[in-house]
Protein backbone atom coordinates (compact mmCIF):
# COMPACT_ATOMS: atom_id res chain seq x y z
CA MET A 1 109.26 109.48 84.76
CA SER A 2 109.65 106.83 83.56
CA ARG A 3 108.42 108.47 84.37
CA THR A 4 107.18 104.70 83.01
CA LEU A 5 101.56 97.11 84.65
CA THR A 6 98.51 98.47 83.74
CA LEU A 7 96.86 100.89 86.14
CA ARG A 8 93.27 101.91 85.69
CA ALA A 9 92.99 105.19 87.51
CA ALA A 10 90.35 106.14 90.00
CA ALA A 11 88.71 109.45 90.84
CA ALA A 12 85.70 108.70 88.69
CA GLY A 13 83.26 111.51 88.19
CA VAL A 14 85.80 114.29 87.75
CA ALA A 15 84.91 116.27 84.63
CA VAL A 16 87.26 116.53 81.65
CA LEU A 17 87.47 120.28 81.99
CA THR A 18 88.56 119.90 85.60
CA PHE A 19 91.24 117.46 84.52
CA LEU A 20 92.55 119.75 81.80
CA SER A 21 92.53 122.72 84.14
CA LEU A 22 95.28 120.98 86.08
CA ALA A 23 97.64 122.13 83.32
CA GLY A 24 97.60 125.55 84.91
CA CYS A 25 98.56 124.09 88.30
CA SER A 26 101.24 121.69 87.17
CA SER A 27 104.98 121.59 87.62
CA GLY A 28 107.07 124.67 87.30
CA GLY A 29 106.13 126.10 90.68
CA SER A 30 108.10 125.72 93.87
CA SER A 31 105.35 126.22 96.39
CA SER A 32 105.02 123.50 98.97
CA SER A 33 102.00 121.83 100.43
CA SER A 34 101.34 118.98 102.80
CA SER A 35 99.09 116.26 101.50
CA ALA A 36 95.66 115.81 102.97
CA SER A 37 94.91 112.62 101.05
CA SER A 38 96.40 110.26 103.64
CA ALA A 39 93.63 111.30 105.99
CA ALA A 40 91.04 109.89 103.62
CA SER A 41 88.62 107.58 105.39
CA SER A 42 89.20 104.95 102.71
CA LEU A 43 92.72 104.33 104.00
CA PRO A 44 93.75 102.72 107.30
CA SER A 45 95.54 104.86 109.83
CA VAL A 46 99.27 104.22 110.10
CA ALA A 47 101.02 104.15 113.47
CA ALA A 48 104.74 104.64 113.88
CA ASP A 49 106.84 101.52 114.30
CA ALA A 50 108.98 102.20 117.38
CA THR A 51 111.88 100.09 116.16
CA LEU A 52 112.06 101.73 112.74
CA ALA A 53 111.42 105.22 114.09
CA GLY A 54 114.24 104.74 116.56
CA GLN A 55 116.65 104.10 113.70
CA VAL A 56 115.81 107.26 111.75
CA PRO A 57 118.96 109.42 111.40
CA ASP A 58 119.08 112.35 113.81
CA ASN A 59 119.02 114.98 111.04
CA PHE A 60 115.61 113.73 109.92
CA LYS A 61 114.32 112.89 113.39
CA SER A 62 115.09 116.35 114.75
CA LYS A 63 113.00 118.18 112.15
CA GLY A 64 110.30 115.50 112.02
CA THR A 65 109.50 116.15 108.37
CA LEU A 66 110.78 114.89 105.03
CA VAL A 67 110.71 117.42 102.22
CA VAL A 68 109.60 115.49 99.14
CA GLY A 69 110.12 116.76 95.60
CA THR A 70 107.37 115.80 93.16
CA ASP A 71 106.08 116.90 89.77
CA ALA A 72 102.38 117.33 90.52
CA SER A 73 101.25 117.11 86.91
CA TYR A 74 101.24 113.33 86.64
CA ALA A 75 97.75 112.16 87.61
CA PRO A 76 96.88 109.83 89.21
CA ASN A 77 100.29 109.31 90.79
CA GLU A 78 100.92 112.88 91.84
CA PHE A 79 98.76 115.87 90.92
CA MET A 80 97.12 118.98 92.29
CA ALA A 81 93.75 118.89 94.00
CA GLU A 82 91.07 121.32 92.85
CA ASP A 83 92.32 123.91 95.35
CA GLY A 84 95.49 124.26 93.26
CA LYS A 85 97.65 123.87 96.38
CA THR A 86 97.30 120.37 97.76
CA VAL A 87 99.36 117.61 96.17
CA GLN A 88 97.50 114.31 96.01
CA GLY A 89 97.78 110.90 94.35
CA LEU A 90 99.02 107.37 94.80
CA ASP A 91 102.64 108.31 95.43
CA VAL A 92 101.54 110.94 97.93
CA ASP A 93 99.41 108.51 99.93
CA LEU A 94 102.21 105.95 99.89
CA VAL A 95 104.90 108.38 101.04
CA ASP A 96 102.57 109.71 103.75
CA ALA A 97 102.18 106.11 104.98
CA VAL A 98 105.92 105.42 104.82
CA THR A 99 106.83 108.55 106.75
CA ALA A 100 104.12 107.87 109.34
CA LYS A 101 105.56 104.37 109.86
CA LEU A 102 108.93 106.05 110.52
CA GLY A 103 107.43 108.54 112.95
CA LEU A 104 107.77 111.41 110.50
CA LYS A 105 105.59 113.54 108.25
CA ALA A 106 105.96 114.40 104.57
CA GLN A 107 105.88 117.86 103.04
CA PHE A 108 105.52 117.87 99.26
CA GLN A 109 107.14 120.48 97.04
CA ASN A 110 105.99 120.82 93.44
CA ALA A 111 108.89 120.91 90.97
CA ASP A 112 109.75 120.29 87.33
CA PHE A 113 110.38 116.58 86.95
CA GLY A 114 113.86 116.98 85.48
CA THR A 115 115.10 118.91 88.52
CA ILE A 116 114.06 116.52 91.30
CA ILE A 117 116.95 114.03 91.30
CA LEU A 118 119.47 116.87 91.33
CA GLY A 119 117.44 118.45 94.13
CA VAL A 120 117.68 115.25 96.17
CA SER A 121 121.42 114.97 95.52
CA SER A 122 122.00 118.58 96.56
CA GLY A 123 119.95 118.31 99.73
CA LYS A 124 117.11 120.55 98.58
CA TYR A 125 114.75 117.58 98.94
CA ASP A 126 115.04 114.70 101.40
CA MET A 127 113.21 112.40 98.98
CA GLY A 128 111.92 112.35 95.43
CA ALA A 129 108.55 110.70 94.77
CA SER A 130 107.44 111.30 91.22
CA SER A 131 106.93 108.06 89.27
CA PHE A 132 110.64 107.58 88.71
CA THR A 133 111.42 104.46 86.74
CA ILE A 134 114.49 102.75 88.19
CA THR A 135 117.26 102.91 85.59
CA ASN A 136 120.97 102.20 85.76
CA ASP A 137 121.72 105.83 85.01
CA ARG A 138 119.61 107.02 87.93
CA LEU A 139 121.12 104.39 90.22
CA GLN A 140 124.51 105.97 89.58
CA GLN A 141 123.18 109.24 91.00
CA VAL A 142 120.86 108.29 93.88
CA ASN A 143 119.44 105.45 95.98
CA MET A 144 116.10 104.13 94.74
CA VAL A 145 113.61 101.98 96.69
CA GLN A 146 111.30 99.85 94.52
CA TYR A 147 107.58 100.27 95.22
CA LEU A 148 105.53 99.83 92.02
CA SER A 149 105.58 98.56 88.45
CA ALA A 150 104.44 100.37 85.29
CA GLY A 151 105.01 100.46 81.54
CA THR A 152 104.52 102.78 78.57
CA LEU A 153 101.11 103.11 76.87
CA TRP A 154 99.97 105.18 73.89
CA ALA A 155 96.71 107.10 73.52
CA VAL A 156 94.88 108.65 70.57
CA GLN A 157 91.60 110.44 70.01
CA LYS A 158 88.56 108.14 69.95
CA GLY A 159 88.45 106.10 66.75
CA ASN A 160 92.11 106.85 65.99
CA PRO A 161 91.25 109.41 63.28
CA LYS A 162 94.91 109.96 62.33
CA GLY A 163 95.54 106.23 61.87
CA ILE A 164 98.33 106.07 64.42
CA ASP A 165 100.42 102.91 64.67
CA PRO A 166 102.94 103.09 67.53
CA ASP A 167 105.34 100.98 65.47
CA ASN A 168 105.02 103.29 62.48
CA ALA A 169 104.25 106.83 63.61
CA CYS A 170 106.55 108.39 61.03
CA GLY A 171 105.54 111.95 60.15
CA LYS A 172 102.94 112.12 62.96
CA ALA A 173 102.85 114.64 65.81
CA VAL A 174 103.28 112.75 69.08
CA ALA A 175 103.23 114.43 72.49
CA VAL A 176 105.42 113.38 75.40
CA GLN A 177 106.63 114.84 78.69
CA LYS A 178 110.13 116.28 78.92
CA ASP A 179 112.83 114.27 80.73
CA THR A 180 110.88 110.99 80.69
CA VAL A 181 111.92 107.63 79.30
CA GLN A 182 109.16 108.13 76.75
CA VAL A 183 111.28 110.83 75.11
CA ASP A 184 114.02 108.25 74.56
CA ASP A 185 111.41 105.78 73.28
CA LEU A 186 110.03 108.31 70.80
CA THR A 187 113.51 109.38 69.67
CA ALA A 188 114.43 105.77 68.91
CA ARG A 189 111.18 105.25 66.98
CA SER A 190 111.84 108.42 65.00
CA LYS A 191 115.34 107.26 64.10
CA THR A 192 113.86 104.00 62.80
CA CYS A 193 111.66 106.14 60.55
CA THR A 194 114.47 108.27 59.17
CA ASP A 195 116.79 105.27 58.73
CA ALA A 196 114.08 103.79 56.51
CA GLY A 197 113.86 106.99 54.48
CA LYS A 198 110.58 108.08 56.05
CA SER A 199 109.66 111.33 57.77
CA ALA A 200 110.75 111.79 61.37
CA ILE A 201 108.19 111.80 64.16
CA ASN A 202 107.25 115.35 65.15
CA GLN A 203 107.94 115.25 68.87
CA VAL A 204 105.72 117.62 70.85
CA VAL A 205 107.61 117.83 74.14
CA GLU A 206 105.92 119.52 77.10
CA VAL A 207 107.17 120.20 80.64
CA ALA A 208 103.91 119.03 82.26
CA GLN A 209 102.08 115.78 81.50
CA SER A 210 98.76 117.59 81.87
CA LYS A 211 99.78 119.74 78.88
CA VAL A 212 100.68 116.60 76.91
CA THR A 213 97.16 115.29 77.46
CA ALA A 214 95.66 118.67 76.57
CA ASP A 215 97.64 118.66 73.31
CA LEU A 216 96.06 115.36 72.35
CA MET A 217 92.58 116.48 73.38
CA SER A 218 92.87 119.67 71.33
CA GLY A 219 94.34 118.00 68.24
CA LYS A 220 97.72 119.71 68.49
CA ALA A 221 99.14 116.19 68.80
CA ASP A 222 97.99 113.08 66.92
CA ALA A 223 98.94 110.76 69.79
CA MET A 224 100.68 110.72 73.13
CA LEU A 225 102.63 108.19 75.15
CA ALA A 226 103.19 108.14 78.90
CA ASP A 227 103.41 105.74 81.79
CA SER A 228 100.52 103.28 81.70
CA PRO A 229 98.92 104.61 84.92
CA VAL A 230 98.91 108.13 83.53
CA THR A 231 97.60 107.21 80.09
CA SER A 232 94.82 105.12 81.65
CA TYR A 233 93.86 108.00 83.94
CA ALA A 234 93.79 110.49 81.07
CA ILE A 235 91.50 108.21 79.09
CA GLU A 236 89.15 107.75 82.03
CA GLN A 237 88.94 111.50 82.55
CA SER A 238 88.36 112.22 78.85
CA ASP A 239 84.72 111.12 78.94
CA GLY A 240 85.19 108.90 75.89
CA ALA A 241 87.28 111.35 73.86
CA LEU A 242 90.47 109.29 74.08
CA GLU A 243 91.39 105.63 73.78
CA THR A 244 94.49 103.44 74.01
CA ILE A 245 96.36 102.16 71.00
CA GLY A 246 98.77 99.23 71.05
CA LYS A 247 99.93 97.35 74.13
CA ILE A 248 101.87 98.25 77.25
CA THR A 249 105.61 98.05 76.62
CA ASP A 250 108.77 98.25 78.69
CA ALA A 251 107.29 97.35 82.07
CA ALA A 252 109.71 98.42 84.78
CA PRO A 253 109.81 99.25 88.51
CA TYR A 254 109.28 102.68 90.05
CA GLY A 255 111.52 103.84 92.88
CA LEU A 256 111.41 106.38 95.70
CA VAL A 257 114.55 108.50 95.49
CA LEU A 258 116.99 109.30 98.31
CA ALA A 259 120.47 110.77 98.22
CA LYS A 260 123.44 108.53 97.56
CA ASP A 261 124.76 109.13 101.08
CA GLN A 262 121.43 108.17 102.66
CA THR A 263 121.57 104.39 102.18
CA GLY A 264 120.55 103.85 105.80
CA MET A 265 117.42 105.94 105.34
CA ALA A 266 116.70 104.12 102.08
CA ASP A 267 116.86 100.82 103.98
CA LEU A 268 114.34 102.15 106.52
CA VAL A 269 111.99 103.24 103.72
CA SER A 270 112.27 99.72 102.28
CA LYS A 271 111.44 98.16 105.68
CA ALA A 272 108.50 100.53 106.13
CA LEU A 273 107.13 99.46 102.74
CA VAL A 274 107.47 95.80 103.76
CA GLU A 275 105.40 96.49 106.88
CA LEU A 276 102.79 98.47 104.94
CA ASN A 277 102.48 95.53 102.57
CA SER A 278 102.09 93.10 105.46
CA ASP A 279 99.41 95.10 107.27
CA GLY A 280 97.34 95.78 104.13
CA THR A 281 97.97 99.52 103.87
CA TYR A 282 99.97 99.18 100.65
CA LYS A 283 97.15 97.24 98.98
CA ALA A 284 94.55 99.73 100.24
CA ILE A 285 96.45 102.64 98.70
CA LEU A 286 96.83 100.88 95.36
CA ASP A 287 93.16 99.90 95.39
CA LYS A 288 92.14 103.48 96.13
CA TRP A 289 93.82 104.61 92.92
CA GLY A 290 92.80 101.55 90.86
CA ASN A 291 96.35 100.25 90.80
CA ALA A 292 96.20 96.66 92.07
CA SER A 293 97.89 95.42 88.89
CA GLY A 294 100.93 97.60 89.58
CA ALA A 295 101.68 95.98 92.95
CA VAL A 296 105.09 94.50 93.69
CA THR A 297 105.88 91.97 96.42
CA GLU A 298 109.42 93.07 97.20
CA PHE A 299 110.80 96.53 98.04
CA PRO A 300 114.56 96.34 97.53
CA VAL A 301 116.98 99.24 97.59
CA ASN A 302 118.74 99.69 94.26
CA PRO A 303 117.44 96.54 92.52
CA SER A 304 119.12 95.26 89.37
CA VAL A 305 117.44 96.51 86.21
CA SER A 306 118.06 95.87 82.54
CA SER A 307 118.43 99.46 81.35
């Protein structure tokens, strides 16, 4: 994901066991479900913009639905509801609003994170919405529309019993989700350890973020790092069992993903986001998930990034 500024997640009152049970419903499945979260009374209804809807390419307009690939293990941005079928979260609400503005609907398909960009490029998915940090490498493969900002944040068990220091985690077991920028972060930190003659970091790499969090809760891992929204959510759901360590690093924009040959559709998604920001829907969605601090004011296609 980064999947990769601070977001304090919502959904207060959900028990820790319920949160951890999401591990059994996380990515790795290919079943699809349409989100019900956009119908939540806390969000304003979104009407189609006739001008934008009229510009939607015929191949999308004719079927009326965008198939959206997402890794539903990354609460609060995208994760499974308690029914184990419905995908919900900030990204889901936002994409539902974007597609409604374009006169379309969204259908979410759960997938392993590392397969989504390829799925968009191959035409399996019309869009990818899964906390993708915009990177130069990804911009070579797909179009990306900026919609949020996040960074990386570490977590440990309450009281930091293993004495974790993010800048010196040599020899410690640290959990991270596969195919995320956090893997690269951890690999670089481990190399710093070995270059100094210290033990490498034991990287506990899991396919699903929910499993990463479970590893930390159970003690299999001494620490974890993930996108700041996800780490904050995990801590909130832990009922005091987890806490942050260190500061947010590497703040960067998230992007919605569309195929390289769909620049026109990417431009429409950008314009829809601009309208949702103007009418207050964008803010309402971020507020619903406790993410006001992650708001951006511009929604460019393929913005310049440093990495």
